[in-house]
Amino acid sequence: MLAIGRINRLRVVREVDFGLYLDGGDTARGGFGEILLPGRYVPKGCTVGDALDVFVHFDSEDRIIATTERPYAMVGEFALLKVASVTKHGIFLDWGLPKDLLLPFNEQVTRMEAGKSYVVRIFLDADSHRIAASAKLDLPEPQVPKSATFTGVAAAATRSATRSTIGRCWSASGSSGPRA
Protein backbone atom coordinates (compact mmCIF):
# COMPACT_ATOMS: atom_id res chain seq x y z
CA MET A 1 0.00 0.00 0.00
CA LEU A 2 1.28 3.45 -0.93
CA ALA A 3 2.32 5.64 2.03
CA ILE A 4 1.84 9.40 1.69
CA GLY A 5 4.72 11.27 3.30
CA ARG A 6 7.12 8.33 3.08
CA ILE A 7 9.54 6.82 0.57
CA ASN A 8 7.81 4.35 -1.76
CA ARG A 9 9.24 2.09 -4.47
CA LEU A 10 7.05 2.68 -7.52
CA ARG A 11 7.27 1.33 -11.05
CA VAL A 12 7.37 3.64 -14.07
CA VAL A 13 4.26 2.98 -16.20
CA ARG A 14 4.55 5.65 -18.88
CA GLU A 15 6.67 8.52 -20.12
CA VAL A 16 5.34 11.96 -21.10
CA ASP A 17 7.00 15.21 -22.23
CA PHE A 18 6.91 16.65 -18.70
CA GLY A 19 8.02 13.60 -16.72
CA LEU A 20 7.03 10.06 -15.85
CA TYR A 21 3.91 8.48 -14.44
CA LEU A 22 4.41 5.95 -11.67
CA ASP A 23 2.07 3.17 -10.58
CA GLY A 24 0.34 4.36 -7.39
CA GLY A 25 -1.98 1.38 -7.19
CA ASP A 26 -5.44 0.55 -8.51
CA THR A 27 -7.93 3.27 -7.54
CA ALA A 28 -10.69 0.63 -7.30
CA ARG A 29 -8.66 -0.97 -4.48
CA GLY A 30 -7.82 2.23 -2.59
CA GLY A 31 -4.74 3.14 -4.61
CA PHE A 32 -3.95 6.53 -6.09
CA GLY A 33 -3.67 5.59 -9.78
CA GLU A 34 -0.85 7.11 -11.78
CA ILE A 35 1.39 9.54 -9.90
CA LEU A 36 3.42 12.16 -11.71
CA LEU A 37 7.17 12.39 -11.25
CA PRO A 38 8.00 15.78 -12.85
CA GLY A 39 10.79 15.81 -15.44
CA ARG A 40 13.25 17.73 -13.24
CA TYR A 41 13.30 14.76 -10.80
CA VAL A 42 13.62 11.95 -13.36
CA PRO A 43 16.96 10.13 -13.05
CA LYS A 44 18.99 9.88 -16.26
CA GLY A 45 18.39 6.67 -18.15
CA CYS A 46 15.13 5.86 -16.36
CA THR A 47 12.61 4.05 -18.59
CA VAL A 48 9.19 2.41 -18.45
CA GLY A 49 9.33 -0.67 -16.21
CA ASP A 50 12.03 0.70 -13.90
CA ALA A 51 11.32 0.94 -10.17
CA LEU A 52 12.19 4.19 -8.37
CA ASP A 53 12.37 5.13 -4.71
CA VAL A 54 10.34 8.34 -4.45
CA PHE A 55 8.85 10.54 -1.74
CA VAL A 56 5.09 10.86 -2.28
CA HIS A 57 3.25 14.00 -1.18
CA PHE A 58 0.76 16.61 -2.38
CA ASP A 59 1.87 19.58 -4.49
CA SER A 60 0.76 23.20 -4.03
CA GLU A 61 -2.48 22.42 -5.90
CA ASP A 62 -3.17 19.36 -3.70
CA ARG A 63 -2.40 16.84 -6.45
CA ILE A 64 -0.54 13.69 -5.46
CA ILE A 65 3.00 13.87 -6.79
CA ALA A 66 6.36 12.14 -6.43
CA THR A 67 9.88 13.45 -6.09
CA THR A 68 13.32 11.89 -5.88
CA GLU A 69 14.28 14.62 -3.39
CA ARG A 70 14.25 13.71 0.30
CA PRO A 71 12.69 15.92 2.97
CA TYR A 72 14.57 16.43 6.24
CA ALA A 73 11.94 14.26 7.97
CA MET A 74 8.97 12.13 6.92
CA VAL A 75 5.60 11.26 8.39
CA GLY A 76 6.07 9.67 11.81
CA GLU A 77 9.44 11.33 12.44
CA PHE A 78 10.69 14.31 14.41
CA ALA A 79 13.08 17.01 13.18
CA LEU A 80 14.57 20.35 14.06
CA LEU A 81 13.11 22.61 11.33
CA LYS A 82 13.51 26.30 10.63
CA VAL A 83 10.48 28.60 10.33
CA ALA A 84 10.44 29.95 6.77
CA SER A 85 7.44 32.23 7.34
CA VAL A 86 4.55 33.05 9.63
CA THR A 87 1.30 33.82 7.81
CA LYS A 88 -2.39 34.15 8.62
CA HIS A 89 -2.74 30.46 7.64
CA GLY A 90 -0.08 29.15 10.03
CA ILE A 91 3.63 28.55 10.34
CA PHE A 92 5.56 27.34 7.30
CA LEU A 93 8.68 25.26 7.91
CA ASP A 94 11.60 24.55 5.60
CA TRP A 95 11.68 20.76 5.40
CA GLY A 96 13.93 20.40 2.38
CA LEU A 97 11.29 20.37 -0.37
CA PRO A 98 10.18 23.29 -2.59
CA LYS A 99 6.76 23.50 -0.88
CA ASP A 100 7.21 24.49 2.79
CA LEU A 101 5.49 22.36 5.44
CA LEU A 102 2.48 23.80 7.31
CA LEU A 103 2.36 23.80 11.08
CA PRO A 104 -1.19 24.95 11.94
CA PHE A 105 -1.51 27.55 14.71
CA ASN A 106 -3.36 25.05 16.91
CA GLU A 107 -0.31 22.74 16.76
CA GLN A 108 2.00 25.31 18.39
CA VAL A 109 2.95 25.10 22.06
CA THR A 110 4.71 28.46 22.03
CA ARG A 111 4.65 31.38 19.61
CA MET A 112 7.04 30.60 16.76
CA GLU A 113 9.18 33.16 14.98
CA ALA A 114 10.53 33.26 11.42
CA GLY A 115 14.19 32.32 11.21
CA LYS A 116 14.19 30.25 14.41
CA SER A 117 14.27 26.46 14.53
CA TYR A 118 11.95 24.18 16.52
CA VAL A 119 11.63 20.44 17.11
CA VAL A 120 8.44 19.23 15.41
CA ARG A 121 6.65 15.99 14.65
CA ILE A 122 5.59 15.28 11.05
CA PHE A 123 2.15 13.71 10.69
CA LEU A 124 -0.53 12.94 8.10
CA ASP A 125 -3.75 14.79 8.95
CA ALA A 126 -6.53 12.21 9.16
CA ASP A 127 -9.20 14.54 7.77
CA SER A 128 -7.41 16.34 4.93
CA HIS A 129 -4.79 13.64 4.19
CA ARG A 130 -2.20 16.44 4.02
CA ILE A 131 1.25 16.24 5.54
CA ALA A 132 1.64 18.72 8.40
CA ALA A 133 3.81 19.41 11.43
CA SER A 134 3.09 19.73 15.14
CA ALA A 135 5.13 21.18 17.97
CA LYS A 136 3.03 19.13 20.43
CA LEU A 137 5.50 16.40 21.30
CA ASP A 138 3.94 14.91 24.43
CA LEU A 139 3.70 11.38 23.07
CA PRO A 140 3.98 8.01 24.80
CA GLU A 141 7.51 6.80 25.44
CA PRO A 142 8.90 5.28 22.22
CA GLN A 143 9.78 1.60 22.26
CA VAL A 144 13.47 1.66 21.38
CA PRO A 145 15.68 -1.44 21.26
CA LYS A 146 18.30 -1.55 24.04
CA SER A 147 21.03 -1.90 21.41
CA ALA A 148 20.08 1.41 19.73
CA THR A 149 22.60 4.23 19.65
CA PHE A 150 21.52 7.84 19.40
CA THR A 151 22.93 10.91 17.74
CA GLY A 152 21.45 14.33 17.25
CA VAL A 153 20.07 17.19 19.25
CA ALA A 154 21.07 17.48 22.92
CA ALA A 155 18.10 17.71 25.26
CA ALA A 156 17.31 19.08 28.67
CA ALA A 157 16.68 16.54 31.40
CA THR A 158 12.90 16.88 31.20
CA ARG A 159 10.80 13.91 30.22
CA SER A 160 9.28 15.77 27.24
CA ALA A 161 12.69 16.93 25.96
CA THR A 162 14.05 13.41 26.28
CA ARG A 163 11.21 12.10 24.11
CA SER A 164 11.91 14.91 21.64
CA THR A 165 15.55 13.91 21.38
CA ILE A 166 14.76 10.22 21.03
CA GLY A 167 12.13 11.04 18.42
CA ARG A 168 14.59 13.22 16.50
CA CYS A 169 16.97 10.29 16.27
CA TRP A 170 14.46 7.47 15.95
CA SER A 171 11.18 7.34 14.05
CA ALA A 172 7.96 7.55 16.05
CA SER A 173 7.26 3.92 15.23
CA GLY A 174 10.79 2.92 16.20
CA SER A 175 11.09 0.84 13.07
CA SER A 176 13.27 2.88 10.75
CA GLY A 177 16.47 2.72 12.79
CA PRO A 178 18.65 5.51 14.09
CA ARG A 179 18.61 8.79 12.18
CA ALA A 180 21.12 11.56 12.51
C-alpha atoms as a PDB file:
ATOM      1  CA  MET A   1       0.000   0.000   0.000  1.00  0.00           C
ATOM      2  CA  LEU A   2       1.281   3.449  -0.931  1.00  0.00           C
ATOM      3  CA  ALA A   3       2.315   5.640   2.027  1.00  0.00           C
ATOM      4  CA  ILE A   4       1.842   9.399   1.691  1.00  0.00           C
ATOM      5  CA  GLY A   5       4.719  11.270   3.305  1.00  0.00           C
ATOM      6  CA  ARG A   6       7.124   8.335   3.077  1.00  0.00           C
ATOM      7  CA  ILE A   7       9.539   6.824   0.565  1.00  0.00           C
ATOM      8  CA  ASN A   8       7.815   4.353  -1.760  1.00  0.00           C
ATOM      9  CA  ARG A   9       9.240   2.094  -4.468  1.00  0.00           C
ATOM     10  CA  LEU A  10       7.047   2.680  -7.516  1.00  0.00           C
ATOM     11  CA  ARG A  11       7.266   1.328 -11.048  1.00  0.00           C
ATOM     12  CA  VAL A  12       7.368   3.641 -14.074  1.00  0.00           C
ATOM     13  CA  VAL A  13       4.263   2.979 -16.197  1.00  0.00           C
ATOM     14  CA  ARG A  14       4.552   5.653 -18.880  1.00  0.00           C
ATOM     15  CA  GLU A  15       6.674   8.521 -20.119  1.00  0.00           C
ATOM     16  CA  VAL A  16       5.335  11.960 -21.101  1.00  0.00           C
ATOM     17  CA  ASP A  17       7.001  15.206 -22.230  1.00  0.00           C
ATOM     18  CA  PHE A  18       6.906  16.651 -18.701  1.00  0.00           C
ATOM     19  CA  GLY A  19       8.024  13.595 -16.725  1.00  0.00           C
ATOM     20  CA  LEU A  20       7.035  10.057 -15.845  1.00  0.00           C
ATOM     21  CA  TYR A  21       3.910   8.480 -14.442  1.00  0.00           C
ATOM     22  CA  LEU A  22       4.408   5.950 -11.670  1.00  0.00           C
ATOM     23  CA  ASP A  23       2.067   3.165 -10.577  1.00  0.00           C
ATOM     24  CA  GLY A  24       0.342   4.356  -7.387  1.00  0.00           C
ATOM     25  CA  GLY A  25      -1.981   1.378  -7.195  1.00  0.00           C
ATOM     26  CA  ASP A  26      -5.436   0.550  -8.512  1.00  0.00           C
ATOM     27  CA  THR A  27      -7.934   3.272  -7.536  1.00  0.00           C
ATOM     28  CA  ALA A  28     -10.688   0.628  -7.299  1.00  0.00           C
ATOM     29  CA  ARG A  29      -8.658  -0.969  -4.482  1.00  0.00           C
ATOM     30  CA  GLY A  30      -7.818   2.226  -2.590  1.00  0.00           C
ATOM     31  CA  GLY A  31      -4.737   3.136  -4.613  1.00  0.00           C
ATOM     32  CA  PHE A  32      -3.948   6.531  -6.094  1.00  0.00           C
ATOM     33  CA  GLY A  33      -3.672   5.591  -9.776  1.00  0.00           C
ATOM     34  CA  GLU A  34      -0.851   7.106 -11.779  1.00  0.00           C
ATOM     35  CA  ILE A  35       1.388   9.538  -9.897  1.00  0.00           C
ATOM     36  CA  LEU A  36       3.415  12.164 -11.713  1.00  0.00           C
ATOM     37  CA  LEU A  37       7.173  12.388 -11.251  1.00  0.00           C
ATOM     38  CA  PRO A  38       7.998  15.780 -12.853  1.00  0.00           C
ATOM     39  CA  GLY A  39      10.792  15.814 -15.442  1.00  0.00           C
ATOM     40  CA  ARG A  40      13.252  17.729 -13.242  1.00  0.00           C
ATOM     41  CA  TYR A  41      13.296  14.764 -10.802  1.00  0.00           C
ATOM     42  CA  VAL A  42      13.615  11.951 -13.363  1.00  0.00           C
ATOM     43  CA  PRO A  43      16.963  10.131 -13.053  1.00  0.00           C
ATOM     44  CA  LYS A  44      18.994   9.879 -16.264  1.00  0.00           C
ATOM     45  CA  GLY A  45      18.394   6.667 -18.152  1.00  0.00           C
ATOM     46  CA  CYS A  46      15.127   5.859 -16.362  1.00  0.00           C
ATOM     47  CA  THR A  47      12.614   4.046 -18.587  1.00  0.00           C
ATOM     48  CA  VAL A  48       9.190   2.408 -18.450  1.00  0.00           C
ATOM     49  CA  GLY A  49       9.326  -0.673 -16.211  1.00  0.00           C
ATOM     50  CA  ASP A  50      12.031   0.698 -13.902  1.00  0.00           C
ATOM     51  CA  ALA A  51      11.321   0.941 -10.168  1.00  0.00           C
ATOM     52  CA  LEU A  52      12.191   4.191  -8.370  1.00  0.00           C
ATOM     53  CA  ASP A  53      12.370   5.129  -4.707  1.00  0.00           C
ATOM     54  CA  VAL A  54      10.343   8.339  -4.446  1.00  0.00           C
ATOM     55  CA  PHE A  55       8.853  10.539  -1.742  1.00  0.00           C
ATOM     56  CA  VAL A  56       5.093  10.856  -2.275  1.00  0.00           C
ATOM     57  CA  HIS A  57       3.252  13.999  -1.179  1.00  0.00           C
ATOM     58  CA  PHE A  58       0.756  16.606  -2.383  1.00  0.00           C
ATOM     59  CA  ASP A  59       1.870  19.583  -4.486  1.00  0.00           C
ATOM     60  CA  SER A  60       0.763  23.203  -4.032  1.00  0.00           C
ATOM     61  CA  GLU A  61      -2.477  22.422  -5.899  1.00  0.00           C
ATOM     62  CA  ASP A  62      -3.173  19.359  -3.704  1.00  0.00           C
ATOM     63  CA  ARG A  63      -2.404  16.841  -6.451  1.00  0.00           C
ATOM     64  CA  ILE A  64      -0.542  13.695  -5.459  1.00  0.00           C
ATOM     65  CA  ILE A  65       3.001  13.869  -6.789  1.00  0.00           C
ATOM     66  CA  ALA A  66       6.357  12.140  -6.428  1.00  0.00           C
ATOM     67  CA  THR A  67       9.885  13.452  -6.094  1.00  0.00           C
ATOM     68  CA  THR A  68      13.321  11.886  -5.880  1.00  0.00           C
ATOM     69  CA  GLU A  69      14.284  14.623  -3.388  1.00  0.00           C
ATOM     70  CA  ARG A  70      14.249  13.707   0.302  1.00  0.00           C
ATOM     71  CA  PRO A  71      12.690  15.919   2.969  1.00  0.00           C
ATOM     72  CA  TYR A  72      14.568  16.434   6.242  1.00  0.00           C
ATOM     73  CA  ALA A  73      11.937  14.257   7.969  1.00  0.00           C
ATOM     74  CA  MET A  74       8.974  12.135   6.921  1.00  0.00           C
ATOM     75  CA  VAL A  75       5.596  11.260   8.394  1.00  0.00           C
ATOM     76  CA  GLY A  76       6.072   9.673  11.810  1.00  0.00           C
ATOM     77  CA  GLU A  77       9.439  11.331  12.436  1.00  0.00           C
ATOM     78  CA  PHE A  78      10.695  14.306  14.411  1.00  0.00           C
ATOM     79  CA  ALA A  79      13.076  17.007  13.179  1.00  0.00           C
ATOM     80  CA  LEU A  80      14.565  20.354  14.059  1.00  0.00           C
ATOM     81  CA  LEU A  81      13.111  22.606  11.330  1.00  0.00           C
ATOM     82  CA  LYS A  82      13.514  26.303  10.626  1.00  0.00           C
ATOM     83  CA  VAL A  83      10.484  28.597  10.330  1.00  0.00           C
ATOM     84  CA  ALA A  84      10.437  29.951   6.772  1.00  0.00           C
ATOM     85  CA  SER A  85       7.437  32.232   7.340  1.00  0.00           C
ATOM     86  CA  VAL A  86       4.552  33.052   9.630  1.00  0.00           C
ATOM     87  CA  THR A  87       1.296  33.819   7.806  1.00  0.00           C
ATOM     88  CA  LYS A  88      -2.395  34.150   8.619  1.00  0.00           C
ATOM     89  CA  HIS A  89      -2.740  30.457   7.638  1.00  0.00           C
ATOM     90  CA  GLY A  90      -0.081  29.154  10.026  1.00  0.00           C
ATOM     91  CA  ILE A  91       3.627  28.553  10.343  1.00  0.00           C
ATOM     92  CA  PHE A  92       5.555  27.337   7.301  1.00  0.00           C
ATOM     93  CA  LEU A  93       8.679  25.261   7.907  1.00  0.00           C
ATOM     94  CA  ASP A  94      11.604  24.547   5.603  1.00  0.00           C
ATOM     95  CA  TRP A  95      11.675  20.763   5.398  1.00  0.00           C
ATOM     96  CA  GLY A  96      13.933  20.396   2.377  1.00  0.00           C
ATOM     97  CA  LEU A  97      11.287  20.372  -0.365  1.00  0.00           C
ATOM     98  CA  PRO A  98      10.181  23.294  -2.587  1.00  0.00           C
ATOM     99  CA  LYS A  99       6.759  23.496  -0.878  1.00  0.00           C
ATOM    100  CA  ASP A 100       7.206  24.487   2.788  1.00  0.00           C
ATOM    101  CA  LEU A 101       5.490  22.362   5.444  1.00  0.00           C
ATOM    102  CA  LEU A 102       2.482  23.797   7.308  1.00  0.00           C
ATOM    103  CA  LEU A 103       2.361  23.803  11.081  1.00  0.00           C
ATOM    104  CA  PRO A 104      -1.194  24.954  11.945  1.00  0.00           C
ATOM    105  CA  PHE A 105      -1.510  27.553  14.711  1.00  0.00           C
ATOM    106  CA  ASN A 106      -3.358  25.047  16.914  1.00  0.00           C
ATOM    107  CA  GLU A 107      -0.308  22.737  16.758  1.00  0.00           C
ATOM    108  CA  GLN A 108       2.003  25.314  18.394  1.00  0.00           C
ATOM    109  CA  VAL A 109       2.955  25.099  22.056  1.00  0.00           C
ATOM    110  CA  THR A 110       4.707  28.457  22.031  1.00  0.00           C
ATOM    111  CA  ARG A 111       4.654  31.379  19.606  1.00  0.00           C
ATOM    112  CA  MET A 112       7.040  30.599  16.761  1.00  0.00           C
ATOM    113  CA  GLU A 113       9.180  33.159  14.984  1.00  0.00           C
ATOM    114  CA  ALA A 114      10.527  33.259  11.421  1.00  0.00           C
ATOM    115  CA  GLY A 115      14.191  32.321  11.209  1.00  0.00           C
ATOM    116  CA  LYS A 116      14.191  30.248  14.411  1.00  0.00           C
ATOM    117  CA  SER A 117      14.265  26.456  14.534  1.00  0.00           C
ATOM    118  CA  TYR A 118      11.953  24.178  16.516  1.00  0.00           C
ATOM    119  CA  VAL A 119      11.628  20.443  17.108  1.00  0.00           C
ATOM    120  CA  VAL A 120       8.445  19.233  15.415  1.00  0.00           C
ATOM    121  CA  ARG A 121       6.654  15.986  14.649  1.00  0.00           C
ATOM    122  CA  ILE A 122       5.591  15.278  11.054  1.00  0.00           C
ATOM    123  CA  PHE A 123       2.155  13.712  10.686  1.00  0.00           C
ATOM    124  CA  LEU A 124      -0.528  12.943   8.098  1.00  0.00           C
ATOM    125  CA  ASP A 125      -3.747  14.789   8.954  1.00  0.00           C
ATOM    126  CA  ALA A 126      -6.525  12.206   9.163  1.00  0.00           C
ATOM    127  CA  ASP A 127      -9.196  14.542   7.775  1.00  0.00           C
ATOM    128  CA  SER A 128      -7.414  16.343   4.928  1.00  0.00           C
ATOM    129  CA  HIS A 129      -4.785  13.644   4.186  1.00  0.00           C
ATOM    130  CA  ARG A 130      -2.204  16.442   4.024  1.00  0.00           C
ATOM    131  CA  ILE A 131       1.249  16.238   5.542  1.00  0.00           C
ATOM    132  CA  ALA A 132       1.642  18.718   8.398  1.00  0.00           C
ATOM    133  CA  ALA A 133       3.807  19.405  11.433  1.00  0.00           C
ATOM    134  CA  SER A 134       3.090  19.731  15.141  1.00  0.00           C
ATOM    135  CA  ALA A 135       5.130  21.179  17.972  1.00  0.00           C
ATOM    136  CA  LYS A 136       3.029  19.134  20.427  1.00  0.00           C
ATOM    137  CA  LEU A 137       5.501  16.399  21.305  1.00  0.00           C
ATOM    138  CA  ASP A 138       3.943  14.910  24.429  1.00  0.00           C
ATOM    139  CA  LEU A 139       3.696  11.382  23.074  1.00  0.00           C
ATOM    140  CA  PRO A 140       3.984   8.007  24.799  1.00  0.00           C
ATOM    141  CA  GLU A 141       7.513   6.803  25.444  1.00  0.00           C
ATOM    142  CA  PRO A 142       8.904   5.279  22.223  1.00  0.00           C
ATOM    143  CA  GLN A 143       9.780   1.602  22.262  1.00  0.00           C
ATOM    144  CA  VAL A 144      13.469   1.663  21.377  1.00  0.00           C
ATOM    145  CA  PRO A 145      15.683  -1.438  21.260  1.00  0.00           C
ATOM    146  CA  LYS A 146      18.296  -1.546  24.042  1.00  0.00           C
ATOM    147  CA  SER A 147      21.031  -1.898  21.413  1.00  0.00           C
ATOM    148  CA  ALA A 148      20.081   1.415  19.730  1.00  0.00           C
ATOM    149  CA  THR A 149      22.604   4.227  19.654  1.00  0.00           C
ATOM    150  CA  PHE A 150      21.517   7.839  19.404  1.00  0.00           C
ATOM    151  CA  THR A 151      22.932  10.915  17.743  1.00  0.00           C
ATOM    152  CA  GLY A 152      21.446  14.333  17.251  1.00  0.00           C
ATOM    153  CA  VAL A 153      20.073  17.190  19.254  1.00  0.00           C
ATOM    154  CA  ALA A 154      21.068  17.482  22.921  1.00  0.00           C
ATOM    155  CA  ALA A 155      18.099  17.708  25.261  1.00  0.00           C
ATOM    156  CA  ALA A 156      17.306  19.077  28.670  1.00  0.00           C
ATOM    157  CA  ALA A 157      16.676  16.542  31.401  1.00  0.00           C
ATOM    158  CA  THR A 158      12.903  16.880  31.205  1.00  0.00           C
ATOM    159  CA  ARG A 159      10.800  13.915  30.220  1.00  0.00           C
ATOM    160  CA  SER A 160       9.285  15.773  27.245  1.00  0.00           C
ATOM    161  CA  ALA A 161      12.686  16.933  25.962  1.00  0.00           C
ATOM    162  CA  THR A 162      14.045  13.409  26.281  1.00  0.00           C
ATOM    163  CA  ARG A 163      11.211  12.102  24.110  1.00  0.00           C
ATOM    164  CA  SER A 164      11.914  14.910  21.638  1.00  0.00           C
ATOM    165  CA  THR A 165      15.553  13.911  21.381  1.00  0.00           C
ATOM    166  CA  ILE A 166      14.763  10.220  21.032  1.00  0.00           C
ATOM    167  CA  GLY A 167      12.133  11.035  18.417  1.00  0.00           C
ATOM    168  CA  ARG A 168      14.595  13.218  16.500  1.00  0.00           C
ATOM    169  CA  CYS A 169      16.968  10.289  16.270  1.00  0.00           C
ATOM    170  CA  TRP A 170      14.456   7.474  15.952  1.00  0.00           C
ATOM    171  CA  SER A 171      11.183   7.335  14.054  1.00  0.00           C
ATOM    172  CA  ALA A 172       7.964   7.549  16.051  1.00  0.00           C
ATOM    173  CA  SER A 173       7.258   3.920  15.229  1.00  0.00           C
ATOM    174  CA  GLY A 174      10.793   2.917  16.204  1.00  0.00           C
ATOM    175  CA  SER A 175      11.090   0.837  13.066  1.00  0.00           C
ATOM    176  CA  SER A 176      13.273   2.877  10.753  1.00  0.00           C
ATOM    177  CA  GLY A 177      16.466   2.715  12.786  1.00  0.00           C
ATOM    178  CA  PRO A 178      18.653   5.508  14.093  1.00  0.00           C
ATOM    179  CA  ARG A 179      18.607   8.790  12.182  1.00  0.00           C
ATOM    180  CA  ALA A 180      21.124  11.563  12.512  1.00  0.00           C
END
